[in-house]
Amino acid sequence: MNPDRLQTLIKTIYQASTDLQAELEEGCEQRDPISVHIFQARRLYHHSRDRSDRQRDEDLRRSYLTAQELGYRGTPREWMNLIVAFTPAPDPYASRPL
């Protein structure tokens, strides 16, 4: 093999490796918009226990429409299951007077 060609290949591989490393670092810095939206929608849903069911359903519908704009392809029922999953049960003794 020609030494000049080998040197050129090494430079090309090094440049590709540097470009790949830069892309990976950039990808780690950027957050996925749909996952951020899921986190925010779940937090809103879980912290809205004192709201009526109608208001909670409206929040779910709005968050579903936003998720669709961000690229979510599931059904409204699947979205609801994703957001409502792992909802902590209300404390039955929280409202009892001491």
N, C-alpha and C. Protein backbone atom coordinates (compact mmCIF):
# COMPACT_ATOMS: atom_id res chain seq x y z
N MET A 1 0.84 -1.17 0.00
CA MET A 1 0.00 0.00 0.00
C MET A 1 0.89 1.24 0.00
N ASN A 2 0.48 2.23 -0.72
CA ASN A 2 1.21 3.48 -0.86
C ASN A 2 1.15 4.26 0.47
N PRO A 3 2.28 4.71 1.01
CA PRO A 3 2.29 5.45 2.28
C PRO A 3 1.48 6.75 2.24
N ASP A 4 1.47 7.41 1.09
CA ASP A 4 0.70 8.65 0.98
C ASP A 4 -0.80 8.36 1.08
N ARG A 5 -1.21 7.29 0.44
CA ARG A 5 -2.63 6.92 0.48
C ARG A 5 -3.02 6.51 1.90
N LEU A 6 -2.15 5.79 2.58
CA LEU A 6 -2.41 5.39 3.96
C LEU A 6 -2.54 6.62 4.86
N GLN A 7 -1.66 7.59 4.66
CA GLN A 7 -1.71 8.83 5.44
C GLN A 7 -3.03 9.57 5.19
N THR A 8 -3.47 9.60 3.93
CA THR A 8 -4.74 10.25 3.57
C THR A 8 -5.91 9.54 4.23
N LEU A 9 -5.90 8.21 4.23
CA LEU A 9 -6.98 7.45 4.86
C LEU A 9 -7.01 7.69 6.37
N ILE A 10 -5.86 7.76 6.99
CA ILE A 10 -5.80 8.03 8.44
C ILE A 10 -6.38 9.41 8.75
N LYS A 11 -6.05 10.40 7.94
CA LYS A 11 -6.59 11.75 8.14
C LYS A 11 -8.12 11.75 7.97
N THR A 12 -8.59 11.02 6.97
CA THR A 12 -10.03 10.95 6.72
C THR A 12 -10.76 10.28 7.88
N ILE A 13 -10.21 9.21 8.38
CA ILE A 13 -10.81 8.50 9.51
C ILE A 13 -10.78 9.39 10.76
N TYR A 14 -9.70 10.09 10.99
CA TYR A 14 -9.60 10.97 12.15
C TYR A 14 -10.63 12.09 12.06
N GLN A 15 -10.80 12.67 10.85
CA GLN A 15 -11.78 13.74 10.67
C GLN A 15 -13.20 13.21 10.89
N ALA A 16 -13.49 12.02 10.39
CA ALA A 16 -14.81 11.43 10.58
C ALA A 16 -15.06 11.16 12.06
N SER A 17 -14.04 10.70 12.76
CA SER A 17 -14.16 10.44 14.19
C SER A 17 -14.43 11.73 14.96
N THR A 18 -13.74 12.80 14.60
CA THR A 18 -13.94 14.10 15.24
C THR A 18 -15.35 14.62 14.98
N ASP A 19 -15.82 14.49 13.74
CA ASP A 19 -17.18 14.93 13.40
C ASP A 19 -18.23 14.12 14.16
N LEU A 20 -18.02 12.82 14.27
CA LEU A 20 -18.94 11.96 14.99
C LEU A 20 -19.00 12.34 16.48
N GLN A 21 -17.86 12.59 17.07
CA GLN A 21 -17.81 12.99 18.48
C GLN A 21 -18.55 14.30 18.70
N ALA A 22 -18.39 15.26 17.78
CA ALA A 22 -19.08 16.55 17.89
C ALA A 22 -20.59 16.36 17.78
N GLU A 23 -21.03 15.51 16.86
CA GLU A 23 -22.47 15.24 16.71
C GLU A 23 -23.05 14.58 17.95
N LEU A 24 -22.32 13.64 18.53
CA LEU A 24 -22.78 12.97 19.75
C LEU A 24 -22.90 13.94 20.91
N GLU A 25 -21.94 14.82 21.07
CA GLU A 25 -21.99 15.80 22.14
C GLU A 25 -23.15 16.76 21.94
N GLU A 26 -23.40 17.15 20.70
CA GLU A 26 -24.51 18.05 20.42
C GLU A 26 -25.85 17.35 20.68
N GLY A 27 -25.93 16.08 20.33
CA GLY A 27 -27.15 15.32 20.57
C GLY A 27 -27.45 15.14 22.04
N CYS A 28 -26.41 15.01 22.85
CA CYS A 28 -26.61 14.87 24.29
C CYS A 28 -27.05 16.17 24.93
N GLU A 29 -26.67 17.29 24.36
CA GLU A 29 -27.05 18.58 24.92
C GLU A 29 -28.50 18.94 24.62
N GLN A 30 -29.02 18.50 23.49
CA GLN A 30 -30.39 18.84 23.10
C GLN A 30 -31.37 17.86 23.74
N ARG A 31 -32.48 18.41 24.20
CA ARG A 31 -33.51 17.57 24.79
C ARG A 31 -34.57 17.25 23.75
N ASP A 32 -35.15 16.07 23.87
CA ASP A 32 -36.21 15.66 22.97
C ASP A 32 -37.49 16.39 23.37
N PRO A 33 -38.09 17.17 22.46
CA PRO A 33 -39.26 17.97 22.82
C PRO A 33 -40.46 17.13 23.28
N ILE A 34 -40.65 15.96 22.70
CA ILE A 34 -41.81 15.16 23.09
C ILE A 34 -41.63 14.59 24.49
N SER A 35 -40.41 14.20 24.84
CA SER A 35 -40.20 13.67 26.19
C SER A 35 -40.33 14.77 27.24
N VAL A 36 -39.89 15.98 26.91
CA VAL A 36 -40.07 17.11 27.83
C VAL A 36 -41.55 17.39 28.02
N HIS A 37 -42.32 17.34 26.92
CA HIS A 37 -43.76 17.59 27.01
C HIS A 37 -44.46 16.50 27.83
N ILE A 38 -44.06 15.25 27.66
CA ILE A 38 -44.65 14.16 28.45
C ILE A 38 -44.39 14.40 29.94
N PHE A 39 -43.18 14.77 30.28
CA PHE A 39 -42.85 15.03 31.68
C PHE A 39 -43.70 16.17 32.24
N GLN A 40 -43.83 17.26 31.49
CA GLN A 40 -44.62 18.39 31.96
C GLN A 40 -46.10 18.05 32.06
N ALA A 41 -46.63 17.30 31.10
CA ALA A 41 -48.05 16.92 31.13
C ALA A 41 -48.34 15.99 32.30
N ARG A 42 -47.44 15.05 32.58
CA ARG A 42 -47.64 14.16 33.72
C ARG A 42 -47.60 14.93 35.03
N ARG A 43 -46.67 15.86 35.14
CA ARG A 43 -46.57 16.66 36.36
C ARG A 43 -47.83 17.50 36.56
N LEU A 44 -48.33 18.12 35.49
CA LEU A 44 -49.56 18.90 35.59
C LEU A 44 -50.73 18.01 36.01
N TYR A 45 -50.82 16.83 35.42
CA TYR A 45 -51.92 15.93 35.75
C TYR A 45 -51.85 15.46 37.20
N HIS A 46 -50.67 15.09 37.66
CA HIS A 46 -50.53 14.55 39.01
C HIS A 46 -50.71 15.61 40.09
N HIS A 47 -50.44 16.86 39.76
CA HIS A 47 -50.57 17.92 40.75
C HIS A 47 -51.91 18.63 40.68
N SER A 48 -52.84 18.08 39.93
CA SER A 48 -54.15 18.73 39.80
C SER A 48 -55.26 17.90 40.41
N ARG A 49 -55.00 17.35 41.57
CA ARG A 49 -56.02 16.52 42.22
C ARG A 49 -57.24 17.31 42.66
N ASP A 50 -57.05 18.57 43.02
CA ASP A 50 -58.16 19.36 43.53
C ASP A 50 -59.03 19.93 42.41
N ARG A 51 -58.66 19.71 41.17
CA ARG A 51 -59.45 20.20 40.05
C ARG A 51 -60.53 19.19 39.69
N SER A 52 -61.54 19.65 38.99
CA SER A 52 -62.63 18.75 38.61
C SER A 52 -62.17 17.80 37.50
N ASP A 53 -62.93 16.72 37.32
CA ASP A 53 -62.60 15.75 36.27
C ASP A 53 -62.69 16.39 34.89
N ARG A 54 -63.63 17.30 34.73
CA ARG A 54 -63.78 17.97 33.44
C ARG A 54 -62.53 18.80 33.12
N GLN A 55 -62.00 19.50 34.09
CA GLN A 55 -60.79 20.29 33.87
C GLN A 55 -59.60 19.39 33.58
N ARG A 56 -59.51 18.29 34.28
CA ARG A 56 -58.41 17.35 34.03
C ARG A 56 -58.50 16.76 32.63
N ASP A 57 -59.73 16.42 32.20
CA ASP A 57 -59.91 15.89 30.85
C ASP A 57 -59.54 16.93 29.79
N GLU A 58 -59.89 18.19 30.07
CA GLU A 58 -59.54 19.25 29.14
C GLU A 58 -58.02 19.42 29.07
N ASP A 59 -57.35 19.33 30.20
CA ASP A 59 -55.88 19.40 30.20
C ASP A 59 -55.28 18.24 29.41
N LEU A 60 -55.85 17.05 29.57
CA LEU A 60 -55.36 15.89 28.81
C LEU A 60 -55.55 16.09 27.32
N ARG A 61 -56.70 16.63 26.93
CA ARG A 61 -56.98 16.86 25.51
C ARG A 61 -56.00 17.88 24.92
N ARG A 62 -55.78 18.98 25.65
CA ARG A 62 -54.85 20.00 25.17
C ARG A 62 -53.42 19.45 25.06
N SER A 63 -53.03 18.68 26.07
CA SER A 63 -51.66 18.15 26.03
C SER A 63 -51.52 17.11 24.91
N TYR A 64 -52.60 16.39 24.61
CA TYR A 64 -52.57 15.43 23.50
C TYR A 64 -52.39 16.16 22.17
N LEU A 65 -53.11 17.26 21.99
CA LEU A 65 -52.99 18.03 20.75
C LEU A 65 -51.58 18.61 20.60
N THR A 66 -51.00 19.08 21.69
CA THR A 66 -49.63 19.58 21.65
C THR A 66 -48.66 18.45 21.30
N ALA A 67 -48.89 17.28 21.89
CA ALA A 67 -48.01 16.13 21.61
C ALA A 67 -48.09 15.74 20.14
N GLN A 68 -49.28 15.83 19.56
CA GLN A 68 -49.41 15.52 18.13
C GLN A 68 -48.58 16.50 17.30
N GLU A 69 -48.59 17.77 17.68
CA GLU A 69 -47.79 18.76 16.96
C GLU A 69 -46.30 18.46 17.07
N LEU A 70 -45.91 17.84 18.19
CA LEU A 70 -44.50 17.51 18.40
C LEU A 70 -44.11 16.17 17.77
N GLY A 71 -45.08 15.44 17.22
CA GLY A 71 -44.76 14.20 16.53
C GLY A 71 -45.32 12.93 17.15
N TYR A 72 -46.14 13.05 18.20
CA TYR A 72 -46.72 11.86 18.82
C TYR A 72 -47.75 11.26 17.86
N ARG A 73 -47.73 9.94 17.70
CA ARG A 73 -48.60 9.29 16.72
C ARG A 73 -49.63 8.35 17.35
N GLY A 74 -49.69 8.30 18.65
CA GLY A 74 -50.63 7.40 19.31
C GLY A 74 -52.04 7.95 19.35
N THR A 75 -52.93 7.15 19.89
CA THR A 75 -54.33 7.55 20.03
C THR A 75 -54.51 8.35 21.31
N PRO A 76 -55.64 9.05 21.43
CA PRO A 76 -55.90 9.77 22.69
C PRO A 76 -55.93 8.83 23.90
N ARG A 77 -56.44 7.63 23.73
CA ARG A 77 -56.48 6.67 24.84
C ARG A 77 -55.06 6.28 25.26
N GLU A 78 -54.18 6.06 24.29
CA GLU A 78 -52.79 5.73 24.63
C GLU A 78 -52.10 6.90 25.33
N TRP A 79 -52.42 8.13 24.89
CA TRP A 79 -51.85 9.30 25.55
C TRP A 79 -52.32 9.39 27.00
N MET A 80 -53.60 9.16 27.20
CA MET A 80 -54.15 9.20 28.55
C MET A 80 -53.47 8.15 29.43
N ASN A 81 -53.31 6.95 28.91
CA ASN A 81 -52.64 5.89 29.69
C ASN A 81 -51.20 6.26 30.02
N LEU A 82 -50.54 6.95 29.10
CA LEU A 82 -49.16 7.36 29.33
C LEU A 82 -49.08 8.43 30.42
N ILE A 83 -49.99 9.36 30.41
CA ILE A 83 -49.97 10.46 31.37
C ILE A 83 -50.47 10.02 32.73
N VAL A 84 -51.51 9.20 32.76
CA VAL A 84 -52.13 8.79 34.02
C VAL A 84 -51.34 7.69 34.72
N ALA A 85 -50.45 7.02 34.00
CA ALA A 85 -49.70 5.90 34.57
C ALA A 85 -48.98 6.31 35.85
N PHE A 86 -49.03 5.43 36.80
CA PHE A 86 -48.34 5.61 38.09
C PHE A 86 -48.83 6.81 38.88
N THR A 87 -50.11 7.11 38.74
CA THR A 87 -50.68 8.18 39.56
C THR A 87 -50.76 7.69 40.99
N PRO A 88 -50.18 8.41 41.93
CA PRO A 88 -50.25 7.96 43.31
C PRO A 88 -51.69 8.01 43.81
N ALA A 89 -52.06 7.01 44.57
CA ALA A 89 -53.40 6.94 45.11
C ALA A 89 -53.57 8.03 46.16
N PRO A 90 -54.75 8.64 46.23
CA PRO A 90 -54.95 9.65 47.26
C PRO A 90 -54.92 9.04 48.65
N ASP A 91 -54.43 9.80 49.59
CA ASP A 91 -54.34 9.35 50.97
C ASP A 91 -55.74 9.41 51.59
N PRO A 92 -56.31 8.28 52.00
CA PRO A 92 -57.68 8.31 52.55
C PRO A 92 -57.76 9.03 53.88
N TYR A 93 -56.65 9.21 54.55
CA TYR A 93 -56.66 9.86 55.86
C TYR A 93 -56.29 11.33 55.79
N ALA A 94 -56.03 11.84 54.60
CA ALA A 94 -55.56 13.21 54.46
C ALA A 94 -56.65 14.21 54.85
N SER A 95 -57.91 13.93 54.55
CA SER A 95 -58.98 14.89 54.81
C SER A 95 -59.67 14.66 56.16
N ARG A 96 -59.26 13.66 56.91
CA ARG A 96 -59.89 13.38 58.21
C ARG A 96 -59.33 14.31 59.27
N PRO A 97 -60.22 14.89 60.04
CA PRO A 97 -59.73 15.73 61.15
C PRO A 97 -59.14 14.87 62.25
N LEU A 98 -58.17 15.42 62.94
CA LEU A 98 -57.53 14.68 64.03
C LEU A 98 -58.31 14.73 65.29
